[in-house]
Amino acid sequence: MKNKNYHGIGMPFEGFMRRAFRTQERSISKGTCASIYETLVRIEDGTALVKVSYNKQLRVVKSSLTKGINAFLKQKIQPAEALQLEKLVQELNSANHTVEVDYIIKEALRITLPYKEWDSI
């Protein structure tokens, strides 16, 4: 199924990544840009404007998310939250579709909600 409206589809990804790295900077090279995830969704839907394979872009997204989760694990967070994030890394390793990755992003945002104040740093 093709998504009709891509506007904002990568914002949960960007929100988590910015929270993880405590930055307001949008950067493709640092992995904190919504377009990284949006590109994956567009490739899957067949509407991408770039010539990158789905598997390659999936690896980019998974690598970025893993780095973001690991950044959180290095912070002083609650042990229960750390365990939940570690479980997400395991789930991310076996994720092959945007539906799975989207779930992981939303769970990461939910788990890290107590650290939302980091979003404005």
PDB file of N, CA and C in Angstrom:
ATOM      1  N   MET A   1       0.841  -1.183   0.000  1.00  0.00           N
ATOM      2  CA  MET A   1       0.000   0.000   0.000  1.00  0.00           C
ATOM      3  C   MET A   1       0.883   1.242   0.000  1.00  0.00           C
ATOM      4  N   LYS A   2       0.567   2.166  -0.851  1.00  0.00           N
ATOM      5  CA  LYS A   2       1.339   3.399  -0.933  1.00  0.00           C
ATOM      6  C   LYS A   2       0.769   4.439   0.022  1.00  0.00           C
ATOM      7  N   ASN A   3       1.654   5.092   0.754  1.00  0.00           N
ATOM      8  CA  ASN A   3       1.232   6.195   1.611  1.00  0.00           C
ATOM      9  C   ASN A   3       0.895   7.376   0.718  1.00  0.00           C
ATOM     10  N   LYS A   4      -0.196   8.054   1.021  1.00  0.00           N
ATOM     11  CA  LYS A   4      -0.585   9.192   0.210  1.00  0.00           C
ATOM     12  C   LYS A   4       0.040  10.477   0.711  1.00  0.00           C
ATOM     13  N   ASN A   5       0.268  10.565   1.989  1.00  0.00           N
ATOM     14  CA  ASN A   5       0.804  11.787   2.570  1.00  0.00           C
ATOM     15  C   ASN A   5       2.055  11.449   3.386  1.00  0.00           C
ATOM     16  N   TYR A   6       3.189  11.876   2.900  1.00  0.00           N
ATOM     17  CA  TYR A   6       4.440  11.576   3.579  1.00  0.00           C
ATOM     18  C   TYR A   6       4.841  12.664   4.568  1.00  0.00           C
ATOM     19  N   HIS A   7       4.113  13.774   4.554  1.00  0.00           N
ATOM     20  CA  HIS A   7       4.457  14.896   5.424  1.00  0.00           C
ATOM     21  C   HIS A   7       4.452  14.441   6.883  1.00  0.00           C
ATOM     22  N   GLY A   8       5.571  14.571   7.529  1.00  0.00           N
ATOM     23  CA  GLY A   8       5.686  14.262   8.949  1.00  0.00           C
ATOM     24  C   GLY A   8       5.902  12.804   9.289  1.00  0.00           C
ATOM     25  N   ILE A   9       5.979  11.941   8.288  1.00  0.00           N
ATOM     26  CA  ILE A   9       6.081  10.512   8.573  1.00  0.00           C
ATOM     27  C   ILE A   9       7.385  10.152   9.295  1.00  0.00           C
ATOM     28  N   GLY A  10       8.420  10.953   9.086  1.00  0.00           N
ATOM     29  CA  GLY A  10       9.701  10.684   9.743  1.00  0.00           C
ATOM     30  C   GLY A  10       9.901  11.442  11.049  1.00  0.00           C
ATOM     31  N   MET A  11       8.920  12.234  11.453  1.00  0.00           N
ATOM     32  CA  MET A  11       9.095  13.062  12.650  1.00  0.00           C
ATOM     33  C   MET A  11       9.245  12.267  13.949  1.00  0.00           C
ATOM     34  N   PRO A  12       8.536  11.153  14.145  1.00  0.00           N
ATOM     35  CA  PRO A  12       8.802  10.374  15.363  1.00  0.00           C
ATOM     36  C   PRO A  12      10.258   9.895  15.416  1.00  0.00           C
ATOM     37  N   PHE A  13      10.782   9.457  14.259  1.00  0.00           N
ATOM     38  CA  PHE A  13      12.191   9.053  14.184  1.00  0.00           C
ATOM     39  C   PHE A  13      13.091  10.216  14.597  1.00  0.00           C
ATOM     40  N   GLU A  14      12.860  11.373  13.976  1.00  0.00           N
ATOM     41  CA  GLU A  14      13.680  12.545  14.275  1.00  0.00           C
ATOM     42  C   GLU A  14      13.535  12.958  15.741  1.00  0.00           C
ATOM     43  N   GLY A  15      12.323  12.907  16.247  1.00  0.00           N
ATOM     44  CA  GLY A  15      12.099  13.278  17.647  1.00  0.00           C
ATOM     45  C   GLY A  15      12.879  12.399  18.607  1.00  0.00           C
ATOM     46  N   PHE A  16      12.851  11.093  18.354  1.00  0.00           N
ATOM     47  CA  PHE A  16      13.610  10.194  19.219  1.00  0.00           C
ATOM     48  C   PHE A  16      15.109  10.448  19.105  1.00  0.00           C
ATOM     49  N   MET A  17      15.582  10.594  17.890  1.00  0.00           N
ATOM     50  CA  MET A  17      17.018  10.787  17.689  1.00  0.00           C
ATOM     51  C   MET A  17      17.498  12.092  18.320  1.00  0.00           C
ATOM     52  N   ARG A  18      16.720  13.141  18.191  1.00  0.00           N
ATOM     53  CA  ARG A  18      17.101  14.414  18.814  1.00  0.00           C
ATOM     54  C   ARG A  18      17.105  14.288  20.332  1.00  0.00           C
ATOM     55  N   ARG A  19      16.117  13.580  20.872  1.00  0.00           N
ATOM     56  CA  ARG A  19      16.063  13.363  22.316  1.00  0.00           C
ATOM     57  C   ARG A  19      17.268  12.548  22.766  1.00  0.00           C
ATOM     58  N   ALA A  20      17.600  11.511  22.019  1.00  0.00           N
ATOM     59  CA  ALA A  20      18.711  10.628  22.394  1.00  0.00           C
ATOM     60  C   ALA A  20      20.036  11.370  22.434  1.00  0.00           C
ATOM     61  N   PHE A  21      20.229  12.271  21.481  1.00  0.00           N
ATOM     62  CA  PHE A  21      21.497  12.990  21.394  1.00  0.00           C
ATOM     63  C   PHE A  21      21.426  14.392  21.983  1.00  0.00           C
ATOM     64  N   ARG A  22      20.271  14.705  22.605  1.00  0.00           N
ATOM     65  CA  ARG A  22      20.081  15.997  23.273  1.00  0.00           C
ATOM     66  C   ARG A  22      20.453  17.163  22.359  1.00  0.00           C
ATOM     67  N   THR A  23      19.830  17.176  21.212  1.00  0.00           N
ATOM     68  CA  THR A  23      20.147  18.218  20.239  1.00  0.00           C
ATOM     69  C   THR A  23      18.882  18.700  19.543  1.00  0.00           C
ATOM     70  N   GLN A  24      18.920  19.908  19.065  1.00  0.00           N
ATOM     71  CA  GLN A  24      17.855  20.438  18.217  1.00  0.00           C
ATOM     72  C   GLN A  24      18.282  20.424  16.749  1.00  0.00           C
ATOM     73  N   GLU A  25      19.506  19.978  16.516  1.00  0.00           N
ATOM     74  CA  GLU A  25      20.067  19.988  15.165  1.00  0.00           C
ATOM     75  C   GLU A  25      19.472  18.873  14.311  1.00  0.00           C
ATOM     76  N   ARG A  26      19.062  19.246  13.115  1.00  0.00           N
ATOM     77  CA  ARG A  26      18.589  18.288  12.124  1.00  0.00           C
ATOM     78  C   ARG A  26      19.762  18.010  11.196  1.00  0.00           C
ATOM     79  N   SER A  27      20.237  16.760  11.214  1.00  0.00           N
ATOM     80  CA  SER A  27      21.434  16.437  10.456  1.00  0.00           C
ATOM     81  C   SER A  27      21.356  15.016   9.913  1.00  0.00           C
ATOM     82  N   ILE A  28      21.476  14.894   8.604  1.00  0.00           N
ATOM     83  CA  ILE A  28      21.492  13.558   8.009  1.00  0.00           C
ATOM     84  C   ILE A  28      22.741  12.812   8.444  1.00  0.00           C
ATOM     85  N   SER A  29      23.890  13.493   8.450  1.00  0.00           N
ATOM     86  CA  SER A  29      25.142  12.816   8.804  1.00  0.00           C
ATOM     87  C   SER A  29      25.156  12.347  10.258  1.00  0.00           C
ATOM     88  N   LYS A  30      24.451  13.050  11.135  1.00  0.00           N
ATOM     89  CA  LYS A  30      24.386  12.641  12.545  1.00  0.00           C
ATOM     90  C   LYS A  30      23.199  11.723  12.817  1.00  0.00           C
ATOM     91  N   GLY A  31      22.365  11.522  11.805  1.00  0.00           N
ATOM     92  CA  GLY A  31      21.235  10.608  11.961  1.00  0.00           C
ATOM     93  C   GLY A  31      20.033  11.205  12.652  1.00  0.00           C
ATOM     94  N   THR A  32      19.957  12.527  12.732  1.00  0.00           N
ATOM     95  CA  THR A  32      18.862  13.173  13.454  1.00  0.00           C
ATOM     96  C   THR A  32      17.893  13.894  12.516  1.00  0.00           C
ATOM     97  N   CYS A  33      17.694  13.368  11.345  1.00  0.00           N
ATOM     98  CA  CYS A  33      16.837  14.012  10.343  1.00  0.00           C
ATOM     99  C   CYS A  33      15.704  13.068   9.926  1.00  0.00           C
ATOM    100  N   ALA A  34      14.501  13.602   9.886  1.00  0.00           N
ATOM    101  CA  ALA A  34      13.317  12.817   9.538  1.00  0.00           C
ATOM    102  C   ALA A  34      13.429  12.168   8.160  1.00  0.00           C
ATOM    103  N   SER A  35      14.155  12.794   7.260  1.00  0.00           N
ATOM    104  CA  SER A  35      14.230  12.279   5.892  1.00  0.00           C
ATOM    105  C   SER A  35      14.897  10.903   5.818  1.00  0.00           C
ATOM    106  N   ILE A  36      15.682  10.554   6.825  1.00  0.00           N
ATOM    107  CA  ILE A  36      16.316   9.228   6.843  1.00  0.00           C
ATOM    108  C   ILE A  36      15.247   8.142   6.875  1.00  0.00           C
ATOM    109  N   TYR A  37      14.266   8.318   7.750  1.00  0.00           N
ATOM    110  CA  TYR A  37      13.186   7.335   7.853  1.00  0.00           C
ATOM    111  C   TYR A  37      12.185   7.495   6.710  1.00  0.00           C
ATOM    112  N   GLU A  38      11.898   8.722   6.341  1.00  0.00           N
ATOM    113  CA  GLU A  38      10.957   8.963   5.244  1.00  0.00           C
ATOM    114  C   GLU A  38      11.440   8.298   3.960  1.00  0.00           C
ATOM    115  N   THR A  39      12.738   8.361   3.714  1.00  0.00           N
ATOM    116  CA  THR A  39      13.300   7.723   2.519  1.00  0.00           C
ATOM    117  C   THR A  39      13.030   6.223   2.531  1.00  0.00           C
ATOM    118  N   LEU A  40      13.174   5.591   3.684  1.00  0.00           N
ATOM    119  CA  LEU A  40      12.903   4.158   3.790  1.00  0.00           C
ATOM    120  C   LEU A  40      11.449   3.858   3.443  1.00  0.00           C
ATOM    121  N   VAL A  41      10.535   4.643   3.982  1.00  0.00           N
ATOM    122  CA  VAL A  41       9.110   4.438   3.713  1.00  0.00           C
ATOM    123  C   VAL A  41       8.821   4.643   2.228  1.00  0.00           C
ATOM    124  N   ARG A  42       9.411   5.666   1.636  1.00  0.00           N
ATOM    125  CA  ARG A  42       9.189   5.939   0.213  1.00  0.00           C
ATOM    126  C   ARG A  42       9.774   4.826  -0.667  1.00  0.00           C
ATOM    127  N   ILE A  43      10.921   4.298  -0.297  1.00  0.00           N
ATOM    128  CA  ILE A  43      11.503   3.182  -1.061  1.00  0.00           C
ATOM    129  C   ILE A  43      10.555   1.988  -0.988  1.00  0.00           C
ATOM    130  N   GLU A  44      10.065   1.703   0.209  1.00  0.00           N
ATOM    131  CA  GLU A  44       9.154   0.570   0.381  1.00  0.00           C
ATOM    132  C   GLU A  44       7.880   0.762  -0.446  1.00  0.00           C
ATOM    133  N   ASP A  45       7.402   2.002  -0.527  1.00  0.00           N
ATOM    134  CA  ASP A  45       6.187   2.295  -1.283  1.00  0.00           C
ATOM    135  C   ASP A  45       6.430   2.471  -2.780  1.00  0.00           C
ATOM    136  N   GLY A  46       7.694   2.553  -3.187  1.00  0.00           N
ATOM    137  CA  GLY A  46       8.000   2.737  -4.599  1.00  0.00           C
ATOM    138  C   GLY A  46       7.900   4.175  -5.069  1.00  0.00           C
ATOM    139  N   THR A  47       7.988   5.130  -4.143  1.00  0.00           N
ATOM    140  CA  THR A  47       7.879   6.548  -4.510  1.00  0.00           C
ATOM    141  C   THR A  47       9.155   7.331  -4.200  1.00  0.00           C
ATOM    142  N   ALA A  48      10.230   6.645  -3.910  1.00  0.00           N
ATOM    143  CA  ALA A  48      11.480   7.327  -3.559  1.00  0.00           C
ATOM    144  C   ALA A  48      12.076   8.035  -4.759  1.00  0.00           C
ATOM    145  N   LEU A  49      12.686   9.169  -4.481  1.00  0.00           N
ATOM    146  CA  LEU A  49      13.345   9.937  -5.538  1.00  0.00           C
ATOM    147  C   LEU A  49      14.844   9.632  -5.591  1.00  0.00           C
ATOM    148  N   VAL A  50      15.309   8.781  -4.704  1.00  0.00           N
ATOM    149  CA  VAL A  50      16.727   8.411  -4.665  1.00  0.00           C
ATOM    150  C   VAL A  50      16.873   6.965  -5.122  1.00  0.00           C
ATOM    151  N   LYS A  51      18.081   6.653  -5.582  1.00  0.00           N
ATOM    152  CA  LYS A  51      18.344   5.295  -6.041  1.00  0.00           C
ATOM    153  C   LYS A  51      19.163   4.561  -4.994  1.00  0.00           C
ATOM    154  N   VAL A  52      18.496   4.181  -3.930  1.00  0.00           N
ATOM    155  CA  VAL A  52      19.108   3.428  -2.840  1.00  0.00           C
ATOM    156  C   VAL A  52      18.245   2.190  -2.638  1.00  0.00           C
ATOM    157  N   SER A  53      18.869   1.069  -2.394  1.00  0.00           N
ATOM    158  CA  SER A  53      18.086  -0.147  -2.184  1.00  0.00           C
ATOM    159  C   SER A  53      17.386  -0.092  -0.824  1.00  0.00           C
ATOM    160  N   TYR A  54      16.298  -0.805  -0.748  1.00  0.00           N
ATOM    161  CA  TYR A  54      15.541  -0.869   0.508  1.00  0.00           C
ATOM    162  C   TYR A  54      16.424  -1.405   1.634  1.00  0.00           C
ATOM    163  N   ASN A  55      17.157  -2.476   1.368  1.00  0.00           N
ATOM    164  CA  ASN A  55      17.991  -3.084   2.407  1.00  0.00           C
ATOM    165  C   ASN A  55      19.077  -2.136   2.901  1.00  0.00           C
ATOM    166  N   LYS A  56      19.657  -1.380   1.989  1.00  0.00           N
ATOM    167  CA  LYS A  56      20.698  -0.430   2.389  1.00  0.00           C
ATOM    168  C   LYS A  56      20.101   0.670   3.277  1.00  0.00           C
ATOM    169  N   GLN A  57      18.951   1.218   2.888  1.00  0.00           N
ATOM    170  CA  GLN A  57      18.332   2.274   3.685  1.00  0.00           C
ATOM    171  C   GLN A  57      17.828   1.724   5.018  1.00  0.00           C
ATOM    172  N   LEU A  58      17.347   0.492   5.015  1.00  0.00           N
ATOM    173  CA  LEU A  58      16.930  -0.140   6.264  1.00  0.00           C
ATOM    174  C   LEU A  58      18.117  -0.250   7.219  1.00  0.00           C
ATOM    175  N   ARG A  59      19.284  -0.620   6.691  1.00  0.00           N
ATOM    176  CA  ARG A  59      20.490  -0.699   7.526  1.00  0.00           C
ATOM    177  C   ARG A  59      20.844   0.674   8.096  1.00  0.00           C
ATOM    178  N   VAL A  60      20.702   1.729   7.291  1.00  0.00           N
ATOM    179  CA  VAL A  60      20.990   3.092   7.756  1.00  0.00           C
ATOM    180  C   VAL A  60      20.055   3.465   8.907  1.00  0.00           C
ATOM    181  N   VAL A  61      18.771   3.197   8.734  1.00  0.00           N
ATOM    182  CA  VAL A  61      17.778   3.524   9.765  1.00  0.00           C
ATOM    183  C   VAL A  61      18.058   2.721  11.038  1.00  0.00           C
ATOM    184  N   LYS A  62      18.276   1.420  10.884  1.00  0.00           N
ATOM    185  CA  LYS A  62      18.524   0.573  12.051  1.00  0.00           C
ATOM    186  C   LYS A  62      19.804   0.973  12.765  1.00  0.00           C
ATOM    187  N   SER A  63      20.836   1.311  12.015  1.00  0.00           N
ATOM    188  CA  SER A  63      22.091   1.748  12.607  1.00  0.00           C
ATOM    189  C   SER A  63      21.903   3.049  13.392  1.00  0.00           C
ATOM    190  N   SER A  64      21.180   3.993  12.802  1.00  0.00           N
ATOM    191  CA  SER A  64      20.918   5.264  13.476  1.00  0.00           C
ATOM    192  C   SER A  64      20.140   5.039  14.760  1.00  0.00           C
ATOM    193  N   LEU A  65      19.086   4.235  14.684  1.00  0.00           N
ATOM    194  CA  LEU A  65      18.274   3.974  15.874  1.00  0.00           C
ATOM    195  C   LEU A  65      19.080   3.260  16.962  1.00  0.00           C
ATOM    196  N   THR A  66      19.910   2.324  16.566  1.00  0.00           N
ATOM    197  CA  THR A  66      20.749   1.621  17.543  1.00  0.00           C
ATOM    198  C   THR A  66      21.683   2.605  18.236  1.00  0.00           C
ATOM    199  N   LYS A  67      22.275   3.509  17.470  1.00  0.00           N
ATOM    200  CA  LYS A  67      23.143   4.530  18.066  1.00  0.00           C
ATOM    201  C   LYS A  67      22.357   5.421  19.024  1.00  0.00           C
ATOM    202  N   GLY A  68      21.136   5.776  18.651  1.00  0.00           N
ATOM    203  CA  GLY A  68      20.302   6.586  19.515  1.00  0.00           C
ATOM    204  C   GLY A  68      19.950   5.875  20.806  1.00  0.00           C
ATOM    205  N   ILE A  69      19.564   4.621  20.696  1.00  0.00           N
ATOM    206  CA  ILE A  69      19.240   3.841  21.900  1.00  0.00           C
ATOM    207  C   ILE A  69      20.472   3.690  22.768  1.00  0.00           C
ATOM    208  N   ASN A  70      21.613   3.406  22.157  1.00  0.00           N
ATOM    209  CA  ASN A  70      22.850   3.266  22.934  1.00  0.00           C
ATOM    210  C   ASN A  70      23.240   4.577  23.615  1.00  0.00           C
ATOM    211  N   ALA A  71      22.939   5.707  22.980  1.00  0.00           N
ATOM    212  CA  ALA A  71      23.204   7.003  23.612  1.00  0.00           C
ATOM    213  C   ALA A  71      22.366   7.142  24.880  1.00  0.00           C
ATOM    214  N   PHE A  72      21.127   6.691  24.815  1.00  0.00           N
ATOM    215  CA  PHE A  72      20.281   6.721  26.016  1.00  0.00           C
ATOM    216  C   PHE A  72      20.819   5.793  27.091  1.00  0.00           C
ATOM    217  N   LEU A  73      21.274   4.629  26.691  1.00  0.00           N
ATOM    218  CA  LEU A  73      21.774   3.659  27.666  1.00  0.00           C
ATOM    219  C   LEU A  73      23.018   4.160  28.393  1.00  0.00           C
ATOM    220  N   LYS A  74      23.717   5.112  27.808  1.00  0.00           N
ATOM    221  CA  LYS A  74      24.902   5.697  28.464  1.00  0.00           C
ATOM    222  C   LYS A  74      24.523   6.790  29.455  1.00  0.00           C
ATOM    223  N   GLN A  75      23.269   7.243  29.405  1.00  0.00           N
ATOM    224  CA  GLN A  75      22.790   8.296  30.302  1.00  0.00           C
ATOM    225  C   GLN A  75      22.307   7.683  31.612  1.00  0.00           C
ATOM    226  N   LYS A  76      22.042   8.543  32.563  1.00  0.00           N
ATOM    227  CA  LYS A  76      21.485   8.090  33.839  1.00  0.00           C
ATOM    228  C   LYS A  76      19.974   7.971  33.682  1.00  0.00           C
ATOM    229  N   ILE A  77      19.545   6.774  33.304  1.00  0.00           N
ATOM    230  CA  ILE A  77      18.114   6.506  33.169  1.00  0.00           C
ATOM    231  C   ILE A  77      17.750   5.382  34.134  1.00  0.00           C
ATOM    232  N   GLN A  78      16.476   5.208  34.346  1.00  0.00           N
ATOM    233  CA  GLN A  78      15.999   4.178  35.265  1.00  0.00           C
ATOM    234  C   GLN A  78      16.320   2.786  34.718  1.00  0.00           C
ATOM    235  N   PRO A  79      16.667   1.845  35.605  1.00  0.00           N
ATOM    236  CA  PRO A  79      17.003   0.480  35.166  1.00  0.00           C
ATOM    237  C   PRO A  79      15.890  -0.183  34.341  1.00  0.00           C
ATOM    238  N   ALA A  80      14.639   0.030  34.716  1.00  0.00           N
ATOM    239  CA  ALA A  80      13.537  -0.582  33.962  1.00  0.00           C
ATOM    240  C   ALA A  80      13.484  -0.036  32.539  1.00  0.00           C
ATOM    241  N   GLU A  81      13.747   1.245  32.393  1.00  0.00           N
ATOM    242  CA  GLU A  81      13.760   1.851  31.056  1.00  0.00           C
ATOM    243  C   GLU A  81      14.936   1.323  30.250  1.00  0.00           C
ATOM    244  N   ALA A  82      16.071   1.155  30.900  1.00  0.00           N
ATOM    245  CA  ALA A  82      17.250   0.615  30.215  1.00  0.00           C
ATOM    246  C   ALA A  82      16.964  -0.790  29.692  1.00  0.00           C
ATOM    247  N   LEU A  83      16.298  -1.611  30.503  1.00  0.00           N
ATOM    248  CA  LEU A  83      15.957  -2.971  30.064  1.00  0.00           C
ATOM    249  C   LEU A  83      15.015  -2.943  28.868  1.00  0.00           C
ATOM    250  N   GLN A  84      14.058  -2.042  28.900  1.00  0.00           N
ATOM    251  CA  GLN A  84      13.123  -1.928  27.781  1.00  0.00           C
ATOM    252  C   GLN A  84      13.842  -1.484  26.511  1.00  0.00           C
ATOM    253  N   LEU A  85      14.764  -0.546  26.640  1.00  0.00           N
ATOM    254  CA  LEU A  85      15.524  -0.086  25.470  1.00  0.00           C
ATOM    255  C   LEU A  85      16.423  -1.188  24.935  1.00  0.00           C
ATOM    256  N   GLU A  86      17.040  -1.958  25.821  1.00  0.00           N
ATOM    257  CA  GLU A  86      17.880  -3.074  25.382  1.00  0.00           C
ATOM    258  C   GLU A  86      17.050  -4.094  24.603  1.00  0.00           C
ATOM    259  N   LYS A  87      15.816  -4.319  25.057  1.00  0.00           N
ATOM    260  CA  LYS A  87      14.929  -5.236  24.344  1.00  0.00           C
ATOM    261  C   LYS A  87      14.608  -4.694  22.951  1.00  0.00           C
ATOM    262  N   LEU A  88      14.438  -3.370  22.854  1.00  0.00           N
ATOM    263  CA  LEU A  88      14.163  -2.778  21.544  1.00  0.00           C
ATOM    264  C   LEU A  88      15.316  -2.975  20.575  1.00  0.00           C
ATOM    265  N   VAL A  89      16.547  -2.920  21.077  1.00  0.00           N
ATOM    266  CA  VAL A  89      17.707  -3.156  20.212  1.00  0.00           C
ATOM    267  C   VAL A  89      17.639  -4.564  19.635  1.00  0.00           C
ATOM    268  N   GLN A  90      17.264  -5.526  20.465  1.00  0.00           N
ATOM    269  CA  GLN A  90      17.127  -6.907  19.984  1.00  0.00           C
ATOM    270  C   GLN A  90      16.036  -7.006  18.923  1.00  0.00           C
ATOM    271  N   GLU A  91      14.915  -6.346  19.163  1.00  0.00           N
ATOM    272  CA  GLU A  91      13.824  -6.362  18.185  1.00  0.00           C
ATOM    273  C   GLU A  91      14.246  -5.671  16.894  1.00  0.00           C
ATOM    274  N   LEU A  92      14.993  -4.601  17.035  1.00  0.00           N
ATOM    275  CA  LEU A  92      15.458  -3.850  15.874  1.00  0.00           C
ATOM    276  C   LEU A  92      16.373  -4.700  15.002  1.00  0.00           C
ATOM    277  N   ASN A  93      17.190  -5.516  15.625  1.00  0.00           N
ATOM    278  CA  ASN A  93      18.104  -6.380  14.870  1.00  0.00           C
ATOM    279  C   ASN A  93      17.370  -7.311  13.922  1.00  0.00           C
ATOM    280  N   SER A  94      16.162  -7.735  14.300  1.00  0.00           N
ATOM    281  CA  SER A  94      15.420  -8.666  13.449  1.00  0.00           C
ATOM    282  C   SER A  94      14.334  -7.983  12.611  1.00  0.00           C
ATOM    283  N   ALA A  95      14.198  -6.674  12.729  1.00  0.00           N
ATOM    284  CA  ALA A  95      13.175  -5.952  11.971  1.00  0.00           C
ATOM    285  C   ALA A  95      13.539  -5.900  10.486  1.00  0.00           C
ATOM    286  N   ASN A  96      12.553  -6.159   9.636  1.00  0.00           N
ATOM    287  CA  ASN A  96      12.777  -6.151   8.192  1.00  0.00           C
ATOM    288  C   ASN A  96      11.829  -5.244   7.428  1.00  0.00           C
ATOM    289  N   HIS A  97      10.839  -4.679   8.118  1.00  0.00           N
ATOM    290  CA  HIS A  97       9.826  -3.869   7.455  1.00  0.00           C
ATOM    291  C   HIS A  97       9.569  -2.598   8.245  1.00  0.00           C
ATOM    292  N   THR A  98       9.073  -1.581   7.553  1.00  0.00           N
ATOM    293  CA  THR A  98       8.831  -0.301   8.216  1.00  0.00           C
ATOM    294  C   THR A  98       7.777  -0.419   9.319  1.00  0.00           C
ATOM    295  N   VAL A  99       6.861  -1.351   9.205  1.00  0.00           N
ATOM    296  CA  VAL A  99       5.860  -1.540  10.261  1.00  0.00           C
ATOM    297  C   VAL A  99       6.559  -1.896  11.573  1.00  0.00           C
ATOM    298  N   GLU A 100       7.532  -2.778  11.499  1.00  0.00           N
ATOM    299  CA  GLU A 100       8.280  -3.178  12.693  1.00  0.00           C
ATOM    300  C   GLU A 100       9.137  -2.019  13.209  1.00  0.00           C
ATOM    301  N   VAL A 101       9.808  -1.332  12.308  1.00  0.00           N
ATOM    302  CA  VAL A 101      10.667  -0.217  12.700  1.00  0.00           C
ATOM    303  C   VAL A 101       9.830   0.914  13.296  1.00  0.00           C
ATOM    304  N   ASP A 102       8.680   1.176  12.705  1.00  0.00           N
ATOM    305  CA  ASP A 102       7.786   2.215  13.210  1.00  0.00           C
ATOM    306  C   ASP A 102       7.353   1.904  14.641  1.00  0.00           C
ATOM    307  N   TYR A 103       7.021   0.656  14.909  1.00  0.00           N
ATOM    308  CA  TYR A 103       6.645   0.240  16.260  1.00  0.00           C
ATOM    309  C   TYR A 103       7.796   0.493  17.233  1.00  0.00           C
ATOM    310  N   ILE A 104       9.002   0.152  16.829  1.00  0.00           N
ATOM    311  CA  ILE A 104      10.181   0.328  17.692  1.00  0.00           C
ATOM    312  C   ILE A 104      10.415   1.809  17.976  1.00  0.00           C
ATOM    313  N   ILE A 105      10.260   2.650  16.967  1.00  0.00           N
ATOM    314  CA  ILE A 105      10.433   4.096  17.155  1.00  0.00           C
ATOM    315  C   ILE A 105       9.411   4.615  18.163  1.00  0.00           C
ATOM    316  N   LYS A 106       8.164   4.225  17.981  1.00  0.00           N
ATOM    317  CA  LYS A 106       7.113   4.699  18.891  1.00  0.00           C
ATOM    318  C   LYS A 106       7.326   4.185  20.308  1.00  0.00           C
ATOM    319  N   GLU A 107       7.786   2.963  20.446  1.00  0.00           N
ATOM    320  CA  GLU A 107       8.091   2.423  21.777  1.00  0.00           C
ATOM    321  C   GLU A 107       9.267   3.167  22.409  1.00  0.00           C
ATOM    322  N   ALA A 108      10.284   3.471  21.610  1.00  0.00           N
ATOM    323  CA  ALA A 108      11.441   4.214  22.129  1.00  0.00           C
ATOM    324  C   ALA A 108      11.005   5.594  22.616  1.00  0.00           C
ATOM    325  N   LEU A 109      10.125   6.238  21.879  1.00  0.00           N
ATOM    326  CA  LEU A 109       9.604   7.534  22.315  1.00  0.00           C
ATOM    327  C   LEU A 109       8.805   7.398  23.608  1.00  0.00           C
ATOM    328  N   ARG A 110       7.993   6.354  23.702  1.00  0.00           N
ATOM    329  CA  ARG A 110       7.194   6.135  24.907  1.00  0.00           C
ATOM    330  C   ARG A 110       8.088   5.879  26.119  1.00  0.00           C
ATOM    331  N   ILE A 111       9.072   5.018  25.956  1.00  0.00           N
ATOM    332  CA  ILE A 111       9.976   4.665  27.054  1.00  0.00           C
ATOM    333  C   ILE A 111      10.757   5.883  27.534  1.00  0.00           C
ATOM    334  N   THR A 112      11.147   6.722  26.595  1.00  0.00           N
ATOM    335  CA  THR A 112      11.989   7.883  26.949  1.00  0.00           C
ATOM    336  C   THR A 112      11.184   9.147  27.218  1.00  0.00           C
ATOM    337  N   LEU A 113       9.874   9.030  27.279  1.00  0.00           N
ATOM    338  CA  LEU A 113       9.030  10.191  27.548  1.00  0.00           C
ATOM    339  C   LEU A 113       9.429  10.944  28.829  1.00  0.00           C
ATOM    340  N   PRO A 114       9.860  10.262  29.905  1.00  0.00           N
ATOM    341  CA  PRO A 114      10.279  11.004  31.106  1.00  0.00           C
ATOM    342  C   PRO A 114      11.464  11.948  30.845  1.00  0.00           C
ATOM    343  N   TYR A 115      12.144  11.769  29.741  1.00  0.00           N
ATOM    344  CA  TYR A 115      13.316  12.597  29.425  1.00  0.00           C
ATOM    345  C   TYR A 115      12.981  13.610  28.335  1.00  0.00           C
ATOM    346  N   LYS A 116      11.699  13.877  28.174  1.00  0.00           N
ATOM    347  CA  LYS A 116      11.248  14.800  27.129  1.00  0.00           C
ATOM    348  C   LYS A 116      11.891  16.174  27.283  1.00  0.00           C
ATOM    349  N   GLU A 117      12.208  16.580  28.511  1.00  0.00           N
ATOM    350  CA  GLU A 117      12.846  17.903  28.699  1.00  0.00           C
ATOM    351  C   GLU A 117      14.175  17.992  27.958  1.00  0.00           C
ATOM    352  N   TRP A 118      14.768  16.858  27.648  1.00  0.00           N
ATOM    353  CA  TRP A 118      16.016  16.856  26.870  1.00  0.00           C
ATOM    354  C   TRP A 118      15.773  17.378  25.469  1.00  0.00           C
ATOM    355  N   ASP A 119      14.513  17.303  25.003  1.00  0.00           N
ATOM    356  CA  ASP A 119      14.184  17.746  23.643  1.00  0.00           C
ATOM    357  C   ASP A 119      14.506  19.220  23.424  1.00  0.00           C
ATOM    358  N   SER A 120      14.433  20.010  24.475  1.00  0.00           N
ATOM    359  CA  SER A 120      14.621  21.453  24.319  1.00  0.00           C
ATOM    360  C   SER A 120      16.052  21.910  24.596  1.00  0.00           C
ATOM    361  N   ILE A 121      16.923  20.968  24.883  1.00  0.00           N
ATOM    362  CA  ILE A 121      18.328  21.321  25.176  1.00  0.00           C
ATOM    363  C   ILE A 121      19.039  21.702  23.901  1.00  0.00           C
TER     364      ILE A 121
END
